[in-house]
Amino acid sequence: MITAVCEGGFFSFFIAIGIIKGKLSFTFSEVCTGSVAALFGEEGSSSMKIWSLHPLRVRYQETDRMGVVYHANYLTWFEIGRTEWVRRAGISYLEMEKKGLLLPVTDVEASFGKPAGYDDWVTVCTRVAELSAVRVRFESRIVGGDLTEAANGFTYEGDEPPGAALVRGGTRHVWVKSDSWRPIRLDREAPDWYAALKDLAHTGD
């Protein structure tokens, strides 16, 4: 698991390829454990079963000397899956940033099963497992093959996507303002976006 630390009012998320820094008035443990949710009066949804499917083909540069996909690249694929999931709600990360909203990673988990190799088809499967006005938890699966053919589309409803999962994992995030890095409620800052995200999480459409 990739962890984060809080020092002197600044917290840093160490995420494979870089470090994001921001200033918070809450401690890191409050944000991650959910006690900040009580401060905001947070209510949310969980147990969502709609997976967004994004197929891709392994590029040569994504493999390592062992001839398989380098482990950190799966985290990049997780990000691709999250970005495409949000885009399907009619929102882009670029739009979020222009509005002064950020969704930084607070936790990453990944369990590696079977490796993928060069030129293999894989599908990045992404769903929102928990969604509130303050926090979001994504679940991610990397599954061998192009699942959009079997699913006859870019969504799948079920506890797990079909096929053998190569990697299982997920990420947790907190909504913050870009100028202060203070946690915010998305339903107050951007109620239309929050409604769109909730609708997509439950229906997949």
Foldseek 3Di string as FASTA:
>chain_A
DFAKADDPQKIWGDQLPDIDIAGEPDHLCCQVVVVVCVVVVKDKDFDFFKKFKDKDWAAPVQDDPVQFGDPSVVVVLLVVRVQVLLVVLVDGVVNCVVLQKDWDWRDKDKDFDATHGHGWMKMWIKAWRMDIQWKTKMKIFIFTDRCCVVVVHGMDGDPDRDHDTRMTMITMITMAGNVHRYGDGCCVSPVVSSVSSVVCRHPVD
